[in-house]
N, C-alpha and C. Protein backbone atom coordinates (compact mmCIF):
# COMPACT_ATOMS: atom_id res chain seq x y z
N MET A 1 42.73 -172.73 -134.65
CA MET A 1 44.04 -172.29 -135.06
C MET A 1 44.42 -173.00 -136.37
N LYS A 2 44.77 -172.22 -137.36
CA LYS A 2 45.13 -172.78 -138.66
C LYS A 2 46.61 -173.19 -138.64
N ARG A 3 46.88 -174.42 -139.08
CA ARG A 3 48.25 -174.91 -139.12
C ARG A 3 48.91 -174.49 -140.43
N THR A 4 50.20 -174.20 -140.36
CA THR A 4 50.96 -173.82 -141.53
C THR A 4 51.28 -175.06 -142.35
N GLN A 5 51.11 -174.95 -143.65
CA GLN A 5 51.44 -176.07 -144.52
C GLN A 5 52.92 -175.99 -144.90
N ARG A 6 53.54 -177.15 -145.03
CA ARG A 6 54.92 -177.23 -145.49
C ARG A 6 55.06 -178.47 -146.35
N PRO A 7 56.07 -178.49 -147.22
CA PRO A 7 56.19 -179.63 -148.14
C PRO A 7 56.70 -180.89 -147.46
N CYS A 8 56.17 -182.02 -147.90
CA CYS A 8 56.65 -183.33 -147.46
C CYS A 8 58.10 -183.46 -147.91
N LEU A 9 58.98 -183.96 -147.03
CA LEU A 9 60.40 -184.09 -147.36
C LEU A 9 60.67 -185.16 -148.41
N THR A 10 59.70 -186.03 -148.67
CA THR A 10 59.89 -187.08 -149.66
C THR A 10 59.32 -186.69 -151.02
N CYS A 11 58.04 -186.28 -151.05
CA CYS A 11 57.37 -186.05 -152.34
C CYS A 11 57.05 -184.59 -152.62
N GLY A 12 57.09 -183.72 -151.61
CA GLY A 12 56.82 -182.30 -151.81
C GLY A 12 55.37 -181.88 -151.67
N VAL A 13 54.45 -182.82 -151.46
CA VAL A 13 53.03 -182.49 -151.25
C VAL A 13 52.90 -181.71 -149.95
N LEU A 14 52.08 -180.68 -149.94
CA LEU A 14 51.91 -179.87 -148.73
C LEU A 14 51.22 -180.67 -147.64
N THR A 15 51.73 -180.53 -146.42
CA THR A 15 51.17 -181.22 -145.26
C THR A 15 51.16 -180.27 -144.08
N THR A 16 50.29 -180.50 -143.13
CA THR A 16 50.20 -179.64 -141.95
C THR A 16 50.73 -180.32 -140.70
N HIS A 17 51.28 -181.51 -140.84
CA HIS A 17 51.76 -182.23 -139.65
C HIS A 17 53.03 -183.00 -140.00
N GLY A 18 54.00 -182.94 -139.14
CA GLY A 18 55.22 -183.72 -139.32
C GLY A 18 56.05 -183.32 -140.53
N ASP A 19 57.03 -184.16 -140.84
CA ASP A 19 57.94 -183.91 -141.95
C ASP A 19 57.46 -184.50 -143.26
N ARG A 20 56.52 -185.44 -143.18
CA ARG A 20 56.08 -186.14 -144.38
C ARG A 20 54.56 -186.21 -144.44
N CYS A 21 54.02 -186.36 -145.64
CA CYS A 21 52.57 -186.44 -145.84
C CYS A 21 52.03 -187.78 -145.32
N ASN A 22 50.72 -187.93 -145.37
CA ASN A 22 50.08 -189.16 -144.88
C ASN A 22 50.50 -190.40 -145.65
N VAL A 23 50.90 -190.25 -146.90
CA VAL A 23 51.32 -191.39 -147.72
C VAL A 23 52.79 -191.74 -147.45
N CYS A 24 53.66 -190.74 -147.47
CA CYS A 24 55.10 -190.99 -147.33
C CYS A 24 55.54 -191.27 -145.90
N GLY A 25 54.84 -190.70 -144.92
CA GLY A 25 55.23 -190.90 -143.51
C GLY A 25 55.27 -192.36 -143.11
N PRO A 26 54.15 -193.09 -143.25
CA PRO A 26 54.17 -194.50 -142.89
C PRO A 26 55.14 -195.32 -143.75
N ARG A 27 55.25 -194.95 -145.02
CA ARG A 27 56.16 -195.67 -145.92
C ARG A 27 57.61 -195.49 -145.47
N LYS A 28 57.99 -194.27 -145.10
CA LYS A 28 59.36 -193.99 -144.67
C LYS A 28 59.66 -194.70 -143.35
N ALA A 29 58.69 -194.69 -142.42
CA ALA A 29 58.89 -195.36 -141.14
C ALA A 29 59.08 -196.86 -141.34
N THR A 30 58.27 -197.44 -142.22
CA THR A 30 58.38 -198.88 -142.50
C THR A 30 59.71 -199.19 -143.17
N GLU A 31 60.13 -198.33 -144.11
CA GLU A 31 61.40 -198.53 -144.81
C GLU A 31 62.57 -198.48 -143.82
N TRP A 32 62.55 -197.50 -142.92
CA TRP A 32 63.63 -197.38 -141.94
C TRP A 32 63.68 -198.63 -141.07
N ALA A 33 62.54 -199.04 -140.57
CA ALA A 33 62.48 -200.21 -139.69
C ALA A 33 62.95 -201.47 -140.42
N ARG A 34 62.56 -201.62 -141.66
CA ARG A 34 62.94 -202.80 -142.43
C ARG A 34 64.45 -202.81 -142.71
N ASN A 35 65.00 -201.67 -143.07
CA ASN A 35 66.40 -201.61 -143.47
C ASN A 35 67.37 -201.41 -142.31
N ARG A 36 66.95 -200.68 -141.29
CA ARG A 36 67.90 -200.29 -140.25
C ARG A 36 67.41 -200.52 -138.83
N GLY A 37 66.20 -200.97 -138.65
CA GLY A 37 65.65 -201.09 -137.31
C GLY A 37 64.96 -199.80 -136.92
N PRO A 38 64.59 -199.64 -135.67
CA PRO A 38 63.89 -198.43 -135.22
C PRO A 38 64.77 -197.19 -135.40
N SER A 39 64.16 -196.06 -135.62
CA SER A 39 64.89 -194.81 -135.83
C SER A 39 65.71 -194.45 -134.59
N PRO A 40 67.00 -194.20 -134.75
CA PRO A 40 67.83 -193.81 -133.60
C PRO A 40 67.50 -192.41 -133.10
N TYR A 41 66.82 -191.62 -133.91
CA TYR A 41 66.50 -190.25 -133.51
C TYR A 41 65.37 -190.18 -132.49
N ARG A 42 64.82 -191.30 -132.11
CA ARG A 42 63.75 -191.33 -131.10
C ARG A 42 64.28 -191.71 -129.71
N THR A 43 65.60 -191.80 -129.56
CA THR A 43 66.17 -192.18 -128.27
C THR A 43 66.33 -190.96 -127.36
N ALA A 44 66.33 -191.20 -126.08
CA ALA A 44 66.50 -190.12 -125.10
C ALA A 44 67.88 -189.48 -125.23
N ASP A 45 68.92 -190.28 -125.51
CA ASP A 45 70.27 -189.73 -125.66
C ASP A 45 70.34 -188.72 -126.81
N TRP A 46 69.73 -189.07 -127.94
CA TRP A 46 69.74 -188.14 -129.08
C TRP A 46 68.94 -186.89 -128.76
N ARG A 47 67.80 -187.03 -128.12
CA ARG A 47 66.99 -185.86 -127.79
C ARG A 47 67.76 -184.90 -126.88
N ARG A 48 68.47 -185.44 -125.89
CA ARG A 48 69.26 -184.60 -124.98
C ARG A 48 70.36 -183.87 -125.75
N LEU A 49 71.05 -184.59 -126.63
CA LEU A 49 72.13 -183.99 -127.40
C LEU A 49 71.60 -182.90 -128.35
N SER A 50 70.47 -183.17 -128.98
CA SER A 50 69.86 -182.20 -129.88
C SER A 50 69.47 -180.93 -129.13
N ILE A 51 68.87 -181.08 -127.98
CA ILE A 51 68.48 -179.92 -127.16
C ILE A 51 69.71 -179.13 -126.74
N GLN A 52 70.76 -179.84 -126.34
CA GLN A 52 72.00 -179.18 -125.91
C GLN A 52 72.58 -178.33 -127.05
N LYS A 53 72.64 -178.89 -128.27
CA LYS A 53 73.20 -178.16 -129.41
C LYS A 53 72.34 -176.95 -129.75
N ARG A 54 71.02 -177.11 -129.73
CA ARG A 54 70.14 -175.99 -130.07
C ARG A 54 70.18 -174.89 -129.00
N LYS A 55 70.55 -175.23 -127.77
CA LYS A 55 70.74 -174.20 -126.73
C LYS A 55 72.06 -173.47 -126.96
N GLU A 56 73.11 -174.20 -127.36
CA GLU A 56 74.40 -173.59 -127.63
C GLU A 56 74.34 -172.63 -128.81
N VAL A 57 73.65 -173.05 -129.87
CA VAL A 57 73.52 -172.25 -131.09
C VAL A 57 72.03 -172.12 -131.40
N PRO A 58 71.37 -171.07 -130.88
CA PRO A 58 69.91 -170.96 -131.02
C PRO A 58 69.45 -170.29 -132.31
N PHE A 59 70.17 -170.53 -133.40
CA PHE A 59 69.79 -169.98 -134.70
C PHE A 59 70.31 -170.91 -135.79
N CYS A 60 69.70 -170.83 -136.99
CA CYS A 60 70.13 -171.65 -138.12
C CYS A 60 71.50 -171.15 -138.57
N GLU A 61 72.45 -172.06 -138.68
CA GLU A 61 73.81 -171.69 -139.05
C GLU A 61 73.95 -171.37 -140.54
N LEU A 62 72.90 -171.60 -141.32
CA LEU A 62 72.96 -171.26 -142.74
C LEU A 62 72.22 -169.96 -143.05
N CYS A 63 70.99 -169.82 -142.55
CA CYS A 63 70.20 -168.63 -142.90
C CYS A 63 70.03 -167.64 -141.75
N GLY A 64 70.39 -168.04 -140.52
CA GLY A 64 70.31 -167.14 -139.38
C GLY A 64 68.97 -167.09 -138.67
N GLN A 65 67.99 -167.87 -139.11
CA GLN A 65 66.67 -167.85 -138.48
C GLN A 65 66.78 -168.23 -137.01
N ARG A 66 66.06 -167.50 -136.17
CA ARG A 66 66.02 -167.80 -134.74
C ARG A 66 65.03 -168.91 -134.46
N ASP A 67 65.02 -169.42 -133.25
CA ASP A 67 64.17 -170.57 -132.88
C ASP A 67 62.73 -170.20 -132.56
N ASN A 68 62.29 -168.99 -132.87
CA ASN A 68 60.92 -168.59 -132.51
C ASN A 68 59.92 -168.79 -133.64
N ASN A 69 60.21 -169.64 -134.61
CA ASN A 69 59.31 -169.89 -135.73
C ASN A 69 58.78 -171.32 -135.65
N PRO A 70 57.58 -171.54 -135.10
CA PRO A 70 57.09 -172.90 -134.93
C PRO A 70 56.84 -173.65 -136.24
N SER A 71 56.63 -172.94 -137.35
CA SER A 71 56.40 -173.63 -138.62
C SER A 71 57.70 -174.06 -139.29
N ASN A 72 58.84 -173.59 -138.79
CA ASN A 72 60.13 -173.96 -139.35
C ASN A 72 61.13 -174.11 -138.19
N PRO A 73 60.93 -175.12 -137.34
CA PRO A 73 61.74 -175.24 -136.11
C PRO A 73 63.20 -175.59 -136.40
N LEU A 74 64.02 -175.35 -135.41
CA LEU A 74 65.44 -175.69 -135.51
C LEU A 74 65.66 -177.16 -135.21
N THR A 75 66.66 -177.74 -135.85
CA THR A 75 67.04 -179.14 -135.64
C THR A 75 68.54 -179.22 -135.52
N ALA A 76 69.02 -180.28 -134.91
CA ALA A 76 70.45 -180.56 -134.86
C ALA A 76 70.77 -181.50 -136.01
N ASP A 77 71.83 -181.19 -136.74
CA ASP A 77 72.20 -181.97 -137.93
C ASP A 77 73.63 -182.47 -137.77
N HIS A 78 73.83 -183.74 -138.08
CA HIS A 78 75.18 -184.32 -138.03
C HIS A 78 76.02 -183.81 -139.19
N LEU A 79 77.28 -183.45 -138.92
CA LEU A 79 78.19 -183.08 -140.00
C LEU A 79 78.59 -184.31 -140.81
N VAL A 80 78.69 -185.46 -140.15
CA VAL A 80 78.92 -186.73 -140.83
C VAL A 80 77.65 -187.55 -140.64
N PRO A 81 76.83 -187.66 -141.70
CA PRO A 81 75.53 -188.35 -141.57
C PRO A 81 75.67 -189.81 -141.15
N LEU A 82 74.65 -190.30 -140.46
CA LEU A 82 74.65 -191.71 -140.05
C LEU A 82 74.75 -192.62 -141.27
N ALA A 83 74.11 -192.23 -142.37
CA ALA A 83 74.11 -193.05 -143.58
C ALA A 83 75.52 -193.17 -144.18
N GLU A 84 76.41 -192.25 -143.81
CA GLU A 84 77.79 -192.28 -144.30
C GLU A 84 78.76 -192.79 -143.23
N GLY A 85 78.22 -193.43 -142.20
CA GLY A 85 79.07 -194.02 -141.18
C GLY A 85 79.28 -193.19 -139.94
N GLY A 86 78.60 -192.05 -139.84
CA GLY A 86 78.74 -191.22 -138.65
C GLY A 86 78.06 -191.85 -137.45
N ALA A 87 78.48 -191.43 -136.27
CA ALA A 87 77.90 -191.94 -135.03
C ALA A 87 76.71 -191.06 -134.63
N LEU A 88 75.75 -191.67 -133.93
CA LEU A 88 74.57 -190.92 -133.48
C LEU A 88 74.96 -189.93 -132.39
N ILE A 89 75.65 -190.39 -131.38
CA ILE A 89 76.03 -189.54 -130.26
C ILE A 89 77.47 -189.08 -130.48
N VAL A 90 77.62 -187.79 -130.71
CA VAL A 90 78.92 -187.18 -131.01
C VAL A 90 79.07 -185.92 -130.17
N PRO A 91 80.29 -185.38 -130.08
CA PRO A 91 80.44 -184.08 -129.40
C PRO A 91 79.63 -183.01 -130.16
N THR A 92 79.19 -181.99 -129.46
CA THR A 92 78.33 -180.99 -130.10
C THR A 92 79.04 -180.24 -131.23
N TYR A 93 80.37 -180.20 -131.24
CA TYR A 93 81.05 -179.53 -132.34
C TYR A 93 80.94 -180.33 -133.65
N MET A 94 80.46 -181.57 -133.56
CA MET A 94 80.24 -182.39 -134.75
C MET A 94 78.79 -182.29 -135.26
N LEU A 95 78.04 -181.34 -134.68
CA LEU A 95 76.66 -181.08 -135.08
C LEU A 95 76.55 -179.62 -135.51
N ARG A 96 75.52 -179.32 -136.25
CA ARG A 96 75.21 -177.93 -136.56
C ARG A 96 73.71 -177.73 -136.38
N THR A 97 73.34 -176.52 -136.07
CA THR A 97 71.94 -176.18 -135.89
C THR A 97 71.41 -175.64 -137.22
N LEU A 98 70.32 -176.25 -137.70
CA LEU A 98 69.70 -175.81 -138.94
C LEU A 98 68.20 -175.69 -138.75
N CYS A 99 67.58 -174.77 -139.50
CA CYS A 99 66.12 -174.74 -139.52
C CYS A 99 65.66 -175.88 -140.42
N ARG A 100 64.39 -176.23 -140.33
CA ARG A 100 63.86 -177.35 -141.11
C ARG A 100 64.05 -177.13 -142.61
N THR A 101 63.87 -175.90 -143.07
CA THR A 101 64.01 -175.61 -144.50
C THR A 101 65.44 -175.86 -144.97
N CYS A 102 66.41 -175.32 -144.27
CA CYS A 102 67.82 -175.51 -144.66
C CYS A 102 68.23 -176.97 -144.51
N HIS A 103 67.75 -177.63 -143.46
CA HIS A 103 68.07 -179.05 -143.26
C HIS A 103 67.58 -179.87 -144.45
N GLY A 104 66.39 -179.57 -144.93
CA GLY A 104 65.84 -180.29 -146.09
C GLY A 104 66.66 -180.04 -147.35
N LYS A 105 67.25 -178.86 -147.48
CA LYS A 105 68.04 -178.55 -148.67
C LYS A 105 69.39 -179.25 -148.68
N VAL A 106 70.00 -179.43 -147.49
CA VAL A 106 71.36 -179.99 -147.45
C VAL A 106 71.41 -181.47 -147.13
N THR A 107 70.28 -182.07 -146.73
CA THR A 107 70.25 -183.47 -146.34
C THR A 107 69.60 -184.29 -147.42
N LYS A 108 70.12 -185.48 -147.65
CA LYS A 108 69.53 -186.38 -148.64
C LYS A 108 68.35 -187.09 -148.00
N HIS A 109 67.15 -186.87 -148.49
CA HIS A 109 65.95 -187.54 -147.98
C HIS A 109 65.46 -188.50 -149.04
N LYS A 110 65.94 -189.71 -148.98
CA LYS A 110 65.57 -190.70 -149.99
C LYS A 110 64.81 -191.83 -149.37
């Protein structure tokens, strides 16, 4: 089975796995751990909340894509980003459902 290539969220190099290429992935993980500790998006509470939001709104709120595209899956996005002081666990009305492409366009990935 051939995997679909998509751009790394950091450098734009095409990759077939994850959000980042083999170079940027480990670098981003190390940067997060050094600056902020372990990623909060790996907690069970966040996963439950993300699943709940994607069940409530099973399409991208910007482009309308449905959740049946494995190469561009849906994600839950905070309206107030954690980097700007937002809380990880919020009511679902404080989240929006976006496809990976739209999420990459509206979120700062630095």
